[in-house]
């Protein structure tokens, strides 16, 4: 092998070449995740994880030593015996991709892009810590490894027709695991209530992150204003937008109070993030909250 391949310039070029082949969203998420110091990971600690939790089907990446051969002999597939602590090492993510999340104020990222980046950064941290992670909207179970991050980034970036507001309907949420729901939560609350209640019944704990643009908090509109949904399906015109401000802010505060109460009742944590703030200001509190749910 030529020595030229080991020069700093060649190594940098090879690294840039590898990064160029990754989804841009994943690159951004990796940079964001790098701002968090992991320290010693929780699964190294002794705890109630010695207790049996469940058998689950073996997945790519599981070692042969982790397979329970006695249980596997009773069926056609291979099964892994999980303890309570191992079951907690699974992170499920839901990112609202509805039309309302595409809103972006002046020179700010859209709510959707910020939500995607934060969620995928959490997935990067989980994979680095040896955990499994996945998207709740997909049928595939959570997995570990770098390949899973690429699959998740690709799935998050898929387009298509979407409603004005998103509703969480998780397809995969392993019992005893952790989860994060990221949305503006401006749609009807019934689906959110149902999802968190069902999660709590399965022993799932996590974080509800509300992402809003500062304009949605300040309502800086006055005089003649035309309000239109991001999909264009709803349109409202008023000559006195300023008179709507008080009622709007009251309803927004009421929705947030309801979300906080829901999280308190289901054992979840509520967090609020604005897109004019650095992404790190949301990532670190979320990571810390997830660590405390173990």
Protein backbone atom coordinates (compact mmCIF):
# COMPACT_ATOMS: atom_id res chain seq x y z
CA UNK A 1 0.00 0.00 0.00
CA UNK A 2 1.32 3.42 -0.90
CA UNK A 3 2.38 5.69 1.96
CA UNK A 4 0.45 8.51 0.28
CA UNK A 5 -2.77 6.93 1.52
CA UNK A 6 -1.73 7.68 5.11
CA UNK A 7 -1.04 11.40 4.72
CA UNK A 8 -3.32 13.82 6.57
CA UNK A 9 -4.55 15.23 3.25
CA UNK A 10 -5.50 11.83 1.90
CA UNK A 11 -7.21 10.79 5.12
CA UNK A 12 -9.21 14.02 5.13
CA UNK A 13 -10.18 13.48 1.51
CA UNK A 14 -11.32 9.93 2.26
CA UNK A 15 -13.37 11.11 5.25
CA UNK A 16 -15.01 13.83 3.16
CA UNK A 17 -15.77 11.25 0.49
CA UNK A 18 -17.49 9.01 3.01
CA UNK A 19 -19.51 11.92 4.43
CA UNK A 20 -20.55 12.98 0.93
CA UNK A 21 -22.29 9.64 0.50
CA UNK A 22 -24.41 10.11 3.63
CA UNK A 23 -27.79 11.85 3.75
CA UNK A 24 -27.32 15.52 4.59
CA UNK A 25 -29.69 15.15 7.51
CA UNK A 26 -27.50 12.46 9.06
CA UNK A 27 -24.39 14.61 8.69
CA UNK A 28 -26.13 17.47 10.51
CA UNK A 29 -27.34 15.09 13.21
CA UNK A 30 -23.87 13.66 13.75
CA UNK A 31 -22.42 17.13 14.16
CA UNK A 32 -25.12 18.00 16.66
CA UNK A 33 -24.64 14.76 18.60
CA UNK A 34 -20.92 15.51 18.86
CA UNK A 35 -21.77 18.43 21.18
CA UNK A 36 -22.95 16.01 23.86
CA UNK A 37 -20.44 14.36 26.17
CA UNK A 38 -21.79 10.89 26.86
CA UNK A 39 -19.59 9.99 29.80
CA UNK A 40 -20.09 6.56 31.30
CA UNK A 41 -23.15 4.88 29.81
CA UNK A 42 -25.91 3.73 32.17
CA UNK A 43 -26.03 0.11 31.03
CA UNK A 44 -22.66 -0.47 32.71
CA UNK A 45 -24.27 0.07 36.09
CA UNK A 46 -25.69 -2.72 38.21
CA UNK A 47 -29.42 -2.59 38.70
CA UNK A 48 -32.76 -4.37 38.34
CA UNK A 49 -31.77 -5.42 34.84
CA UNK A 50 -30.81 -8.88 36.09
CA UNK A 51 -34.51 -9.76 36.09
CA UNK A 52 -36.01 -11.49 33.06
CA UNK A 53 -38.14 -9.22 30.87
CA UNK A 54 -39.10 -10.97 27.65
CA UNK A 55 -37.99 -13.03 24.67
CA UNK A 56 -37.67 -11.18 21.39
CA UNK A 57 -36.80 -12.38 17.85
CA UNK A 58 -33.09 -12.20 17.07
CA UNK A 59 -32.10 -9.27 14.88
CA UNK A 60 -29.11 -8.58 12.62
CA UNK A 61 -26.20 -7.60 14.85
CA UNK A 62 -27.13 -9.86 17.79
CA UNK A 63 -24.26 -12.12 18.80
CA UNK A 64 -24.66 -15.90 18.90
CA UNK A 65 -23.98 -15.81 22.63
CA UNK A 66 -27.07 -13.63 23.19
CA UNK A 67 -29.42 -16.23 21.64
CA UNK A 68 -31.39 -18.41 24.04
CA UNK A 69 -31.03 -21.76 22.28
CA UNK A 70 -33.48 -23.57 24.56
CA UNK A 71 -36.27 -21.12 23.76
CA UNK A 72 -35.28 -21.06 20.08
CA UNK A 73 -35.55 -24.84 19.88
CA UNK A 74 -39.26 -24.59 20.65
CA UNK A 75 -40.01 -22.67 17.44
CA UNK A 76 -38.76 -21.98 13.97
CA UNK A 77 -36.73 -18.84 14.72
CA UNK A 78 -33.98 -17.65 17.05
CA UNK A 79 -34.86 -15.71 20.20
CA UNK A 80 -32.89 -13.45 22.51
CA UNK A 81 -33.56 -13.42 26.25
CA UNK A 82 -33.83 -9.81 27.43
CA UNK A 83 -33.57 -8.46 30.95
CA UNK A 84 -35.40 -5.38 32.19
CA UNK A 85 -32.29 -3.23 31.76
CA UNK A 86 -31.67 -4.43 28.22
CA UNK A 87 -35.27 -3.68 27.29
CA UNK A 88 -34.71 -0.09 28.43
CA UNK A 89 -31.91 0.25 25.87
CA UNK A 90 -34.37 0.84 23.02
CA UNK A 91 -35.28 4.31 21.77
CA UNK A 92 -38.32 4.86 19.55
CA UNK A 93 -38.79 8.17 17.75
CA UNK A 94 -41.83 9.84 16.18
CA UNK A 95 -41.24 12.96 14.10
CA UNK A 96 -44.29 14.85 12.87
CA UNK A 97 -43.92 15.43 9.13
CA UNK A 98 -47.29 17.17 8.60
CA UNK A 99 -47.62 20.31 6.51
CA UNK A 100 -47.69 22.59 9.57
CA UNK A 101 -44.15 21.50 10.42
CA UNK A 102 -42.84 23.03 7.18
CA UNK A 103 -43.38 26.55 8.48
CA UNK A 104 -40.21 28.63 8.81
CA UNK A 105 -39.77 32.25 9.79
CA UNK A 106 -37.21 34.63 8.35
CA UNK A 107 -33.79 32.94 8.00
CA UNK A 108 -34.76 30.20 10.44
CA UNK A 109 -34.91 26.46 9.81
CA UNK A 110 -38.32 24.94 9.36
CA UNK A 111 -39.85 23.22 12.35
CA UNK A 112 -39.62 19.96 10.41
CA UNK A 113 -35.91 20.20 9.70
CA UNK A 114 -35.14 21.09 13.31
CA UNK A 115 -37.32 18.20 14.54
CA UNK A 116 -35.67 15.74 12.16
CA UNK A 117 -32.17 16.84 13.14
CA UNK A 118 -32.86 16.64 16.87
CA UNK A 119 -34.49 13.22 16.63
CA UNK A 120 -31.74 11.76 14.49
CA UNK A 121 -29.07 13.24 16.79
CA UNK A 122 -30.68 11.31 19.66
CA UNK A 123 -30.56 8.19 17.49
CA UNK A 124 -26.84 8.79 16.85
CA UNK A 125 -26.19 9.05 20.59
CA UNK A 126 -28.21 5.88 21.24
CA UNK A 127 -26.34 3.86 18.60
CA UNK A 128 -22.97 5.08 19.88
CA UNK A 129 -24.00 3.82 23.32
CA UNK A 130 -24.82 0.38 21.94
CA UNK A 131 -28.59 0.81 22.00
CA UNK A 132 -31.28 0.00 19.45
CA UNK A 133 -33.32 2.77 17.86
CA UNK A 134 -36.06 3.15 15.28
CA UNK A 135 -38.98 5.17 13.98
CA UNK A 136 -42.38 4.45 15.47
CA UNK A 137 -44.13 4.98 12.14
CA UNK A 138 -42.25 2.10 10.50
CA UNK A 139 -43.09 -1.57 10.83
CA UNK A 140 -39.44 -2.59 11.27
CA UNK A 141 -38.30 -3.12 14.89
CA UNK A 142 -35.62 -0.86 16.41
CA UNK A 143 -32.07 -1.90 15.54
CA UNK A 144 -28.53 -0.86 16.30
CA UNK A 145 -25.64 0.00 14.06
CA UNK A 146 -24.65 2.71 11.62
CA UNK A 147 -26.75 1.18 8.85
CA UNK A 148 -29.86 1.80 10.93
CA UNK A 149 -29.03 5.51 11.14
CA UNK A 150 -28.84 5.73 7.35
CA UNK A 151 -32.17 3.92 7.01
CA UNK A 152 -33.77 6.28 9.52
CA UNK A 153 -32.37 9.38 7.80
CA UNK A 154 -33.69 8.19 4.45
CA UNK A 155 -37.13 7.46 5.94
CA UNK A 156 -37.30 10.86 7.63
CA UNK A 157 -36.52 12.60 4.36
CA UNK A 158 -39.20 10.82 2.34
CA UNK A 159 -41.79 13.19 0.91
CA UNK A 160 -45.38 12.62 -0.08
CA UNK A 161 -48.85 13.93 0.62
CA UNK A 162 -49.36 14.83 4.27
CA UNK A 163 -52.23 16.32 6.31
CA UNK A 164 -52.18 19.82 7.77
CA UNK A 165 -51.41 18.49 11.26
CA UNK A 166 -49.74 15.28 12.38
CA UNK A 167 -51.02 12.64 14.75
CA UNK A 168 -48.82 9.98 16.41
CA UNK A 169 -49.96 6.42 15.68
CA UNK A 170 -46.96 4.29 16.67
CA UNK A 171 -46.66 0.92 14.94
CA UNK A 172 -43.67 -0.19 17.02
CA UNK A 173 -43.10 0.63 20.70
CA UNK A 174 -41.39 -2.17 22.68
CA UNK A 175 -42.58 -2.59 26.28
CA UNK A 176 -40.31 -0.94 28.84
CA UNK A 177 -38.48 1.12 26.22
CA UNK A 178 -38.01 4.87 25.86
CA UNK A 179 -39.53 7.15 23.25
CA UNK A 180 -39.50 10.72 21.97
CA UNK A 181 -42.36 12.46 20.14
CA UNK A 182 -41.42 15.66 18.27
CA UNK A 183 -44.13 17.91 16.83
CA UNK A 184 -45.67 21.36 17.04
CA UNK A 185 -48.72 19.64 18.57
CA UNK A 186 -51.07 22.21 17.06
CA UNK A 187 -53.56 19.65 15.73
CA UNK A 188 -56.33 17.87 17.56
CA UNK A 189 -54.99 16.48 20.87
CA UNK A 190 -56.98 13.23 20.99
CA UNK A 191 -54.38 11.18 19.08
CA UNK A 192 -51.57 12.45 21.33
CA UNK A 193 -53.56 11.54 24.43
CA UNK A 194 -54.25 8.06 23.07
CA UNK A 195 -50.61 7.48 22.07
CA UNK A 196 -49.14 8.54 25.42
CA UNK A 197 -51.74 6.63 27.39
CA UNK A 198 -51.02 3.47 25.39
CA UNK A 199 -47.28 4.01 25.85
CA UNK A 200 -47.65 4.41 29.61
CA UNK A 201 -49.67 1.18 29.76
CA UNK A 202 -46.69 -0.61 28.12
CA UNK A 203 -44.19 0.89 30.55
CA UNK A 204 -42.79 3.25 27.92
CA UNK A 205 -41.43 6.57 29.17
CA UNK A 206 -39.96 9.43 27.24
CA UNK A 207 -40.04 13.06 26.13
CA UNK A 208 -42.67 15.11 24.36
CA UNK A 209 -40.86 17.94 22.51
CA UNK A 210 -42.94 20.80 21.14
CA UNK A 211 -41.13 22.69 18.37
CA UNK A 212 -42.45 26.13 17.43
CA UNK A 213 -41.30 29.07 15.37
CA UNK A 214 -41.04 32.34 17.36
CA UNK A 215 -43.75 33.91 15.17
CA UNK A 216 -46.17 31.27 16.41
CA UNK A 217 -45.48 32.41 19.96
CA UNK A 218 -45.55 36.17 19.39
CA UNK A 219 -48.36 36.42 16.80
CA UNK A 220 -46.84 39.63 15.33
CA UNK A 221 -49.73 40.35 12.99
CA UNK A 222 -51.94 43.40 12.79
CA UNK A 223 -54.34 45.01 10.33
CA UNK A 224 -55.34 43.22 7.14
CA UNK A 225 -53.85 39.73 7.19
CA UNK A 226 -54.47 36.55 5.24
CA UNK A 227 -53.85 33.35 7.19
CA UNK A 228 -53.35 30.21 5.13
CA UNK A 229 -52.42 26.66 6.14
CA UNK A 230 -49.15 25.28 4.78
CA UNK A 231 -51.08 22.89 2.53
CA UNK A 232 -53.31 25.69 1.25
CA UNK A 233 -56.50 23.89 2.23
CA UNK A 234 -57.47 26.45 4.89
CA UNK A 235 -57.57 30.20 4.23
CA UNK A 236 -58.81 33.01 6.49
CA UNK A 237 -58.71 36.77 5.90
CA UNK A 238 -59.22 39.47 8.52
CA UNK A 239 -58.91 43.24 8.56
CA UNK A 240 -58.06 43.35 12.27
CA UNK A 241 -55.55 40.60 13.00
CA UNK A 242 -54.39 42.33 16.15
CA UNK A 243 -57.74 41.65 17.80
CA UNK A 244 -57.11 37.91 17.43
CA UNK A 245 -53.83 37.98 19.32
CA UNK A 246 -55.22 37.64 22.84
CA UNK A 247 -57.51 34.74 22.00
CA UNK A 248 -54.78 33.00 20.02
CA UNK A 249 -52.19 33.30 22.80
CA UNK A 250 -54.73 32.08 25.34
CA UNK A 251 -55.49 28.98 23.27
CA UNK A 252 -51.79 28.31 22.71
CA UNK A 253 -51.10 28.54 26.44
CA UNK A 254 -54.05 26.25 27.13
CA UNK A 255 -52.74 23.64 24.69
CA UNK A 256 -49.30 23.72 26.31
CA UNK A 257 -50.78 23.37 29.79
CA UNK A 258 -52.77 20.35 28.59
CA UNK A 259 -49.62 18.76 27.16
CA UNK A 260 -47.74 19.32 30.41
CA UNK A 261 -50.58 17.76 32.38
CA UNK A 262 -50.71 14.77 30.02
CA UNK A 263 -46.98 14.19 30.44
CA UNK A 264 -47.26 14.45 34.21
CA UNK A 265 -50.03 11.82 34.24
CA UNK A 266 -48.19 9.38 31.97
CA UNK A 267 -44.69 9.71 33.39
CA UNK A 268 -43.27 11.58 30.39
CA UNK A 269 -41.29 14.82 30.27
CA UNK A 270 -42.50 17.90 28.38
CA UNK A 271 -40.06 20.27 26.67
CA UNK A 272 -40.47 23.34 24.48
CA UNK A 273 -38.05 24.46 21.79
CA UNK A 274 -38.05 27.46 19.45
CA UNK A 275 -36.32 27.34 16.08
CA UNK A 276 -34.42 30.59 16.69
CA UNK A 277 -32.53 28.87 19.51
CA UNK A 278 -29.47 26.63 18.99
CA UNK A 279 -30.39 22.97 18.49
CA UNK A 280 -28.03 22.03 21.33
CA UNK A 281 -30.30 23.86 23.78
CA UNK A 282 -32.96 21.21 23.13
CA UNK A 283 -30.75 18.16 22.64
CA UNK A 284 -28.97 18.21 25.99
CA UNK A 285 -32.15 18.49 28.12
CA UNK A 286 -33.78 15.71 26.08
CA UNK A 287 -30.76 13.44 26.46
CA UNK A 288 -30.63 14.13 30.19
CA UNK A 289 -34.36 13.48 30.59
CA UNK A 290 -34.08 10.17 28.75
CA UNK A 291 -31.23 9.08 31.00
CA UNK A 292 -33.44 9.75 34.02
CA UNK A 293 -36.23 7.54 32.65
CA UNK A 294 -34.10 4.38 32.90
